[in-house]
Amino acid sequence: MLPQNLTPAQVRVLGSLIEKELSTPDHYPLSLNALTGACNQTSNREPVMTLDEGDVSGAIDTLRRASLVRSFQSSGSRVAKYSHLLAEYSELSRTELAVLCVLALRGPQTLAEVKLRAARLVAGEDHDAIEPAVEAMIARLPTPVVTQLPRRPGQKEIRYAHLFGGAVSYDAEDAPAATRIAPTDRIAALEELVRELRSEVADLRAELAEFRRQFE
């Protein structure tokens, strides 16, 4: 059974590990430094966090005790690296992991937003499987992993959220604009995707520069 008592920092660590496994497998697992940078990215994160290595290390310790994260040290390396164990822990598919990833990193979202963002993490696989994956995690036994939030007054679309932190208290009036506004047409969706990709490329370049500095 997946946890429902994680803190925001622990959720961010899990989401970041899933994202890097799916999007940049050549640079995964992650060192503590790289994982901290991933948690603090300004792209594809809502809210943006400022965690230090102590915060991330503390979250890792809790997740390791819950058998959700594994650490290892390769031969000849003095740097420990970390990977998540969600697939092994609960037999989640790549598509289900992608859905959980975007919900963990971006908060409550419409189905259109989930499909747009998760599709980038399941390249080469059936994008039509994203909506069934959401439905399967809502109906998952013995406990659901995703929930459908009640539609609030003035909202046109239903939003979905992960349950890693337990029951979701979500006030649409207080939600950031990025989570309230869904793309209204294909052009708007593509424009949003381009903005996110540009920001993500900048973050990846910064991560690569930091990775290279470790060997200088």
Foldseek 3Di string as FASTA:
>chain_A
DAAQAADLLLLLLQLLQLQCCQQPVVQPQAFLVLSQLSSQAVFLAVPRDNDDSVSNVVSQVVCVVVQQKDWDADPPGPTITMHGCVCVVPVDDNLLSLLSSSQSGHNKAFPQVSLLRSCSRPPPDDSVCNVVSQVCQCVDPPHHQKDWDDDDPPADTIIMHGRNNHDDDDDLVPGDPVRRDDDPDDVSSVVVVVVSVVSVVVSVVVSVVVVVVVVD
